[in-house]
Amino acid sequence: MKLVINGEAMQINDTVTTVEQLIRSLQLEKKSLIVEHNQAILKKEHHSNTVVSEGDRLEIVHFVGGG
């Protein structure tokens, strides 16, 4: 399936059906994230039941610590 993630078209395995699975497939599950799905910011508790579909647009932002 083709998704647009952070402005880039990406081909994602069709077994990925939720935002939570997408985050795992991108190896981001251990990071603190903000996810926007089709212009709506998702709360973390909604990642597991929010379905991703062909052509969806997501912005995934993770935080980097430093000083």
PDB file of N, CA and C in Angstrom:
ATOM      1  N   MET A   1       0.846  -1.167   0.000  1.00  0.00           N
ATOM      2  CA  MET A   1       0.000   0.000   0.000  1.00  0.00           C
ATOM      3  C   MET A   1       0.893   1.232   0.000  1.00  0.00           C
ATOM      4  N   LYS A   2       0.438   2.261  -0.669  1.00  0.00           N
ATOM      5  CA  LYS A   2       1.212   3.501  -0.741  1.00  0.00           C
ATOM      6  C   LYS A   2       0.634   4.503   0.243  1.00  0.00           C
ATOM      7  N   LEU A   3       1.505   5.024   1.114  1.00  0.00           N
ATOM      8  CA  LEU A   3       1.155   6.066   2.068  1.00  0.00           C
ATOM      9  C   LEU A   3       2.085   7.244   1.849  1.00  0.00           C
ATOM     10  N   VAL A   4       1.667   8.409   2.268  1.00  0.00           N
ATOM     11  CA  VAL A   4       2.545   9.582   2.260  1.00  0.00           C
ATOM     12  C   VAL A   4       2.910   9.852   3.708  1.00  0.00           C
ATOM     13  N   ILE A   5       4.195   9.673   4.030  1.00  0.00           N
ATOM     14  CA  ILE A   5       4.680   9.829   5.391  1.00  0.00           C
ATOM     15  C   ILE A   5       5.707  10.953   5.417  1.00  0.00           C
ATOM     16  N   ASN A   6       5.424  11.969   6.203  1.00  0.00           N
ATOM     17  CA  ASN A   6       6.290  13.155   6.296  1.00  0.00           C
ATOM     18  C   ASN A   6       6.607  13.731   4.916  1.00  0.00           C
ATOM     19  N   GLY A   7       5.571  13.746   4.063  1.00  0.00           N
ATOM     20  CA  GLY A   7       5.706  14.347   2.744  1.00  0.00           C
ATOM     21  C   GLY A   7       6.290  13.454   1.672  1.00  0.00           C
ATOM     22  N   GLU A   8       6.691  12.228   2.015  1.00  0.00           N
ATOM     23  CA  GLU A   8       7.291  11.313   1.046  1.00  0.00           C
ATOM     24  C   GLU A   8       6.390  10.120   0.796  1.00  0.00           C
ATOM     25  N   ALA A   9       6.172   9.792  -0.481  1.00  0.00           N
ATOM     26  CA  ALA A   9       5.410   8.596  -0.822  1.00  0.00           C
ATOM     27  C   ALA A   9       6.234   7.372  -0.440  1.00  0.00           C
ATOM     28  N   MET A  10       5.608   6.462   0.291  1.00  0.00           N
ATOM     29  CA  MET A  10       6.303   5.246   0.729  1.00  0.00           C
ATOM     30  C   MET A  10       5.421   4.040   0.463  1.00  0.00           C
ATOM     31  N   GLN A  11       6.036   2.967   0.027  1.00  0.00           N
ATOM     32  CA  GLN A  11       5.333   1.701  -0.157  1.00  0.00           C
ATOM     33  C   GLN A  11       5.455   0.915   1.142  1.00  0.00           C
ATOM     34  N   ILE A  12       4.313   0.567   1.733  1.00  0.00           N
ATOM     35  CA  ILE A  12       4.265  -0.127   3.016  1.00  0.00           C
ATOM     36  C   ILE A  12       3.635  -1.493   2.794  1.00  0.00           C
ATOM     37  N   ASN A  13       4.137  -2.496   3.496  1.00  0.00           N
ATOM     38  CA  ASN A  13       3.604  -3.850   3.400  1.00  0.00           C
ATOM     39  C   ASN A  13       2.101  -3.847   3.672  1.00  0.00           C
ATOM     40  N   ASP A  14       1.348  -4.590   2.874  1.00  0.00           N
ATOM     41  CA  ASP A  14      -0.109  -4.638   3.018  1.00  0.00           C
ATOM     42  C   ASP A  14      -0.569  -5.278   4.319  1.00  0.00           C
ATOM     43  N   THR A  15       0.327  -5.935   5.045  1.00  0.00           N
ATOM     44  CA  THR A  15      -0.062  -6.520   6.337  1.00  0.00           C
ATOM     45  C   THR A  15      -0.200  -5.442   7.409  1.00  0.00           C
ATOM     46  N   VAL A  16       0.315  -4.248   7.147  1.00  0.00           N
ATOM     47  CA  VAL A  16       0.187  -3.125   8.076  1.00  0.00           C
ATOM     48  C   VAL A  16      -1.211  -2.539   7.891  1.00  0.00           C
ATOM     49  N   THR A  17      -2.015  -2.582   8.954  1.00  0.00           N
ATOM     50  CA  THR A  17      -3.388  -2.095   8.839  1.00  0.00           C
ATOM     51  C   THR A  17      -3.724  -0.976   9.831  1.00  0.00           C
ATOM     52  N   THR A  18      -2.884  -0.761  10.844  1.00  0.00           N
ATOM     53  CA  THR A  18      -3.164   0.282  11.835  1.00  0.00           C
ATOM     54  C   THR A  18      -1.947   1.198  11.989  1.00  0.00           C
ATOM     55  N   VAL A  19      -2.180   2.331  12.609  1.00  0.00           N
ATOM     56  CA  VAL A  19      -1.079   3.264  12.893  1.00  0.00           C
ATOM     57  C   VAL A  19      -0.047   2.591  13.796  1.00  0.00           C
ATOM     58  N   GLU A  20      -0.497   1.839  14.793  1.00  0.00           N
ATOM     59  CA  GLU A  20       0.427   1.143  15.686  1.00  0.00           C
ATOM     60  C   GLU A  20       1.334   0.181  14.912  1.00  0.00           C
ATOM     61  N   GLN A  21       0.775  -0.577  13.995  1.00  0.00           N
ATOM     62  CA  GLN A  21       1.578  -1.495  13.184  1.00  0.00           C
ATOM     63  C   GLN A  21       2.538  -0.729  12.283  1.00  0.00           C
ATOM     64  N   LEU A  22       2.099   0.402  11.764  1.00  0.00           N
ATOM     65  CA  LEU A  22       2.973   1.230  10.931  1.00  0.00           C
ATOM     66  C   LEU A  22       4.164   1.718  11.737  1.00  0.00           C
ATOM     67  N   ILE A  23       3.914   2.191  12.954  1.00  0.00           N
ATOM     68  CA  ILE A  23       5.002   2.674  13.813  1.00  0.00           C
ATOM     69  C   ILE A  23       6.002   1.549  14.066  1.00  0.00           C
ATOM     70  N   ARG A  24       5.500   0.340  14.328  1.00  0.00           N
ATOM     71  CA  ARG A  24       6.397  -0.808  14.529  1.00  0.00           C
ATOM     72  C   ARG A  24       7.192  -1.121  13.261  1.00  0.00           C
ATOM     73  N   SER A  25       6.528  -1.079  12.104  1.00  0.00           N
ATOM     74  CA  SER A  25       7.216  -1.412  10.851  1.00  0.00           C
ATOM     75  C   SER A  25       8.317  -0.404  10.525  1.00  0.00           C
ATOM     76  N   LEU A  26       8.161   0.819  11.021  1.00  0.00           N
ATOM     77  CA  LEU A  26       9.183   1.857  10.822  1.00  0.00           C
ATOM     78  C   LEU A  26      10.212   1.873  11.949  1.00  0.00           C
ATOM     79  N   GLN A  27      10.086   0.938  12.889  1.00  0.00           N
ATOM     80  CA  GLN A  27      10.981   0.786  14.040  1.00  0.00           C
ATOM     81  C   GLN A  27      11.034   2.057  14.898  1.00  0.00           C
ATOM     82  N   LEU A  28       9.861   2.631  15.124  1.00  0.00           N
ATOM     83  CA  LEU A  28       9.763   3.849  15.931  1.00  0.00           C
ATOM     84  C   LEU A  28       9.014   3.618  17.237  1.00  0.00           C
ATOM     85  N   GLU A  29       8.681   2.374  17.556  1.00  0.00           N
ATOM     86  CA  GLU A  29       7.823   2.091  18.707  1.00  0.00           C
ATOM     87  C   GLU A  29       8.416   2.488  20.054  1.00  0.00           C
ATOM     88  N   LYS A  30       9.724   2.647  20.145  1.00  0.00           N
ATOM     89  CA  LYS A  30      10.345   2.990  21.428  1.00  0.00           C
ATOM     90  C   LYS A  30      10.545   4.490  21.597  1.00  0.00           C
ATOM     91  N   LYS A  31      10.109   5.275  20.623  1.00  0.00           N
ATOM     92  CA  LYS A  31      10.295   6.722  20.670  1.00  0.00           C
ATOM     93  C   LYS A  31       9.011   7.417  21.108  1.00  0.00           C
ATOM     94  N   SER A  32       9.167   8.602  21.683  1.00  0.00           N
ATOM     95  CA  SER A  32       8.012   9.444  21.992  1.00  0.00           C
ATOM     96  C   SER A  32       7.589  10.126  20.698  1.00  0.00           C
ATOM     97  N   LEU A  33       6.338   9.888  20.296  1.00  0.00           N
ATOM     98  CA  LEU A  33       5.883  10.338  18.987  1.00  0.00           C
ATOM     99  C   LEU A  33       4.613  11.174  19.068  1.00  0.00           C
ATOM    100  N   ILE A  34       4.460  12.016  18.072  1.00  0.00           N
ATOM    101  CA  ILE A  34       3.184  12.647  17.762  1.00  0.00           C
ATOM    102  C   ILE A  34       2.862  12.192  16.342  1.00  0.00           C
ATOM    103  N   VAL A  35       1.634  11.694  16.141  1.00  0.00           N
ATOM    104  CA  VAL A  35       1.223  11.227  14.820  1.00  0.00           C
ATOM    105  C   VAL A  35       0.008  12.025  14.367  1.00  0.00           C
ATOM    106  N   GLU A  36       0.114  12.559  13.151  1.00  0.00           N
ATOM    107  CA  GLU A  36      -1.009  13.214  12.511  1.00  0.00           C
ATOM    108  C   GLU A  36      -1.444  12.313  11.360  1.00  0.00           C
ATOM    109  N   HIS A  37      -2.705  11.936  11.344  1.00  0.00           N
ATOM    110  CA  HIS A  37      -3.253  11.031  10.323  1.00  0.00           C
ATOM    111  C   HIS A  37      -4.330  11.789   9.562  1.00  0.00           C
ATOM    112  N   ASN A  38      -4.074  12.041   8.285  1.00  0.00           N
ATOM    113  CA  ASN A  38      -5.017  12.794   7.450  1.00  0.00           C
ATOM    114  C   ASN A  38      -5.463  14.087   8.141  1.00  0.00           C
ATOM    115  N   GLN A  39      -4.495  14.825   8.629  1.00  0.00           N
ATOM    116  CA  GLN A  39      -4.642  16.149   9.230  1.00  0.00           C
ATOM    117  C   GLN A  39      -5.337  16.155  10.597  1.00  0.00           C
ATOM    118  N   ALA A  40      -5.386  14.992  11.257  1.00  0.00           N
ATOM    119  CA  ALA A  40      -5.940  14.921  12.615  1.00  0.00           C
ATOM    120  C   ALA A  40      -4.879  14.326  13.533  1.00  0.00           C
ATOM    121  N   ILE A  41      -4.561  15.016  14.620  1.00  0.00           N
ATOM    122  CA  ILE A  41      -3.576  14.517  15.572  1.00  0.00           C
ATOM    123  C   ILE A  41      -4.214  13.393  16.380  1.00  0.00           C
ATOM    124  N   LEU A  42      -3.486  12.276  16.467  1.00  0.00           N
ATOM    125  CA  LEU A  42      -3.986  11.097  17.178  1.00  0.00           C
ATOM    126  C   LEU A  42      -3.407  11.014  18.579  1.00  0.00           C
ATOM    127  N   LYS A  43      -4.244  10.677  19.535  1.00  0.00           N
ATOM    128  CA  LYS A  43      -3.743  10.337  20.863  1.00  0.00           C
ATOM    129  C   LYS A  43      -3.151   8.939  20.787  1.00  0.00           C
ATOM    130  N   LYS A  44      -2.145   8.679  21.607  1.00  0.00           N
ATOM    131  CA  LYS A  44      -1.450   7.394  21.574  1.00  0.00           C
ATOM    132  C   LYS A  44      -2.410   6.224  21.749  1.00  0.00           C
ATOM    133  N   GLU A  45      -3.421   6.376  22.595  1.00  0.00           N
ATOM    134  CA  GLU A  45      -4.345   5.270  22.834  1.00  0.00           C
ATOM    135  C   GLU A  45      -5.203   4.936  21.610  1.00  0.00           C
ATOM    136  N   HIS A  46      -5.181   5.787  20.583  1.00  0.00           N
ATOM    137  CA  HIS A  46      -5.935   5.519  19.358  1.00  0.00           C
ATOM    138  C   HIS A  46      -5.074   4.897  18.251  1.00  0.00           C
ATOM    139  N   HIS A  47      -3.769   4.788  18.468  1.00  0.00           N
ATOM    140  CA  HIS A  47      -2.886   4.224  17.445  1.00  0.00           C
ATOM    141  C   HIS A  47      -3.277   2.796  17.079  1.00  0.00           C
ATOM    142  N   SER A  48      -3.688   2.002  18.067  1.00  0.00           N
ATOM    143  CA  SER A  48      -3.961   0.584  17.810  1.00  0.00           C
ATOM    144  C   SER A  48      -5.265   0.348  17.057  1.00  0.00           C
ATOM    145  N   ASN A  49      -6.185   1.303  17.089  1.00  0.00           N
ATOM    146  CA  ASN A  49      -7.457   1.071  16.391  1.00  0.00           C
ATOM    147  C   ASN A  49      -7.713   2.048  15.244  1.00  0.00           C
ATOM    148  N   THR A  50      -6.702   2.839  14.883  1.00  0.00           N
ATOM    149  CA  THR A  50      -6.830   3.732  13.732  1.00  0.00           C
ATOM    150  C   THR A  50      -6.289   3.025  12.499  1.00  0.00           C
ATOM    151  N   VAL A  51      -7.176   2.785  11.544  1.00  0.00           N
ATOM    152  CA  VAL A  51      -6.839   2.037  10.334  1.00  0.00           C
ATOM    153  C   VAL A  51      -6.144   2.960   9.336  1.00  0.00           C
ATOM    154  N   VAL A  52      -5.100   2.436   8.691  1.00  0.00           N
ATOM    155  CA  VAL A  52      -4.445   3.160   7.595  1.00  0.00           C
ATOM    156  C   VAL A  52      -4.869   2.514   6.274  1.00  0.00           C
ATOM    157  N   SER A  53      -5.065   3.371   5.277  1.00  0.00           N
ATOM    158  CA  SER A  53      -5.534   2.916   3.970  1.00  0.00           C
ATOM    159  C   SER A  53      -4.699   3.546   2.868  1.00  0.00           C
ATOM    160  N   GLU A  54      -4.751   2.939   1.705  1.00  0.00           N
ATOM    161  CA  GLU A  54      -4.055   3.435   0.520  1.00  0.00           C
ATOM    162  C   GLU A  54      -4.260   4.938   0.378  1.00  0.00           C
ATOM    163  N   GLY A  55      -3.140   5.668   0.229  1.00  0.00           N
ATOM    164  CA  GLY A  55      -3.194   7.102  -0.020  1.00  0.00           C
ATOM    165  C   GLY A  55      -3.271   7.985   1.217  1.00  0.00           C
ATOM    166  N   ASP A  56      -3.361   7.373   2.404  1.00  0.00           N
ATOM    167  CA  ASP A  56      -3.405   8.181   3.623  1.00  0.00           C
ATOM    168  C   ASP A  56      -2.137   9.013   3.751  1.00  0.00           C
ATOM    169  N   ARG A  57      -2.280  10.151   4.421  1.00  0.00           N
ATOM    170  CA  ARG A  57      -1.155  11.051   4.675  1.00  0.00           C
ATOM    171  C   ARG A  57      -0.904  11.088   6.179  1.00  0.00           C
ATOM    172  N   LEU A  58       0.350  10.838   6.546  1.00  0.00           N
ATOM    173  CA  LEU A  58       0.725  10.859   7.957  1.00  0.00           C
ATOM    174  C   LEU A  58       1.959  11.730   8.159  1.00  0.00           C
ATOM    175  N   GLU A  59       1.954  12.419   9.264  1.00  0.00           N
ATOM    176  CA  GLU A  59       3.150  13.130   9.719  1.00  0.00           C
ATOM    177  C   GLU A  59       3.515  12.473  11.046  1.00  0.00           C
ATOM    178  N   ILE A  60       4.749  12.028  11.151  1.00  0.00           N
ATOM    179  CA  ILE A  60       5.219  11.380  12.374  1.00  0.00           C
ATOM    180  C   ILE A  60       6.420  12.170  12.883  1.00  0.00           C
ATOM    181  N   VAL A  61       6.271  12.725  14.069  1.00  0.00           N
ATOM    182  CA  VAL A  61       7.325  13.548  14.652  1.00  0.00           C
ATOM    183  C   VAL A  61       7.775  12.878  15.947  1.00  0.00           C
ATOM    184  N   HIS A  62       9.081  12.694  16.071  1.00  0.00           N
ATOM    185  CA  HIS A  62       9.600  12.161  17.341  1.00  0.00           C
ATOM    186  C   HIS A  62      10.560  13.164  17.936  1.00  0.00           C
ATOM    187  N   PHE A  63      10.664  13.095  19.250  1.00  0.00           N
ATOM    188  CA  PHE A  63      11.430  14.087  19.985  1.00  0.00           C
ATOM    189  C   PHE A  63      12.853  13.593  20.229  1.00  0.00           C
ATOM    190  N   VAL A  64      13.766  14.531  20.155  1.00  0.00           N
ATOM    191  CA  VAL A  64      15.177  14.234  20.368  1.00  0.00           C
ATOM    192  C   VAL A  64      15.643  15.072  21.559  1.00  0.00           C
ATOM    193  N   GLY A  65      16.214  14.402  22.534  1.00  0.00           N
ATOM    194  CA  GLY A  65      16.726  15.126  23.706  1.00  0.00           C
ATOM    195  C   GLY A  65      18.099  15.698  23.441  1.00  0.00           C
ATOM    196  N   GLY A  66      18.472  16.613  24.215  1.00  0.00           N
ATOM    197  CA  GLY A  66      19.797  17.201  24.050  1.00  0.00           C
ATOM    198  C   GLY A  66      19.916  18.419  24.951  1.00  0.00           C
ATOM    199  N   GLY A  67      21.074  19.023  24.863  1.00  0.00           N
ATOM    200  CA  GLY A  67      21.248  20.167  25.741  1.00  0.00           C
ATOM    201  C   GLY A  67      22.154  21.188  25.173  1.00  0.00           C
TER     202      GLY A  67
END
